[in-house]
Amino acid sequence: MDELFNVTNPFIGSSQTEPFHFRIVSHNVRVDTMRRFPHEKPWSERKVGVIDTLKSISSSDVPVLFGLQEVKYHQLNDVLMGLNDGNSDEEIPWTHYGVGRDDGNVKGEFAPIIYNSDEWRLLNGTSRWLSSRPHHAERSWGAATKRVVTIATFQNKASGNVINFINTHLDHKSERAKRKSSKLLLDWIDQIPNEEPTFLSGDFNSLSNEIAYELLATKLDDANSIARNHKYYKDTKETYTGFEKHQAPTIIDFIWSTLGNCKTSKIEVDTYSTLSNEEGKLRFSDHRPLQVDYKITDGGTF
């Protein structure tokens, strides 16, 4: 299989003496659909809570990367417009990397990485599909739908630190697809042609005792498992809540990092948080956002 990136960037491999603090947020915002649950509001109402939450997170002094799931093109534009305070000129800082899963362009759901271009430099990236032919927009292994993966390498402009960030959404029906997809993700992580810290976020449609989680945990750290501090909204760990009272909440959303310490850096989780998916009496998504505050210290193996 070809290398994930064809570009070797001169910034990769730079060393820093100060710890680098940054934040990764993962959020399944719930696709805009006419087939809504009885208590689910339309996107035109839900988007306010999504945007307000992302804006609140982005207002801190810590640089942040957002990995979103179930985002159609118009939803993505709404989020970016909100983060950019309604501006649409060429100077807007908030932008995204990623493509629609149905055509590799704008059709279908995205698994976009959203970032502030004043804070981050996109060095390179690619989109792949969780299928037997990853370069083609198609599904395999009994999956219910096509599933796209967004893979990118970023450099923080202030510190010079470089990280790899992957965002995706696994199939919700086929166990074979979940198993094959998890193996693909691990293979692609191994193939990234740099030795910088790697992070993976998404809705994995897998509990911690199921195959997708168990496979990923062989090579990656679940942030919730290694965090020094935890902040759970309403003191509950669940990430999927649904819109209906009778739906049982579960933990199927995760943020992962390179297992232990990678060759260039020590990775630590300061705080793992589940955030509110409610604004007033309205649930703006059936998933809670996850927020992980990371610290990277350069110096190789510890």
Foldseek 3Di string as FASTA:
>chain_A
DDFFDPDDDPLAPDAFADKAKAKEKEEAQAAADPPDDPQADGLVVLLVLVLVVVLVVCPDPHFYKYFYWNAAQVSQVSNQCSNQVNDDDPPGFKDWDWAALQARHRDHITRIIIGGNVFKDWPDWDKFWLDPGGVDSDHDQPAPHIKMKIWTWIAGPPGSAIEIEMEIEFGQPGLRSLQSSLVVVVVNVVSHPGQHKYKYWYQSNDACPGRNNVSNVVFKDWQVVFEPEEAEVVPDDFFFAASDPPDDTGHRITMIIGPQAIFFKGKYWHYKYWAAQDDVNHRSHRGTMIMTIMIIRTDGHD
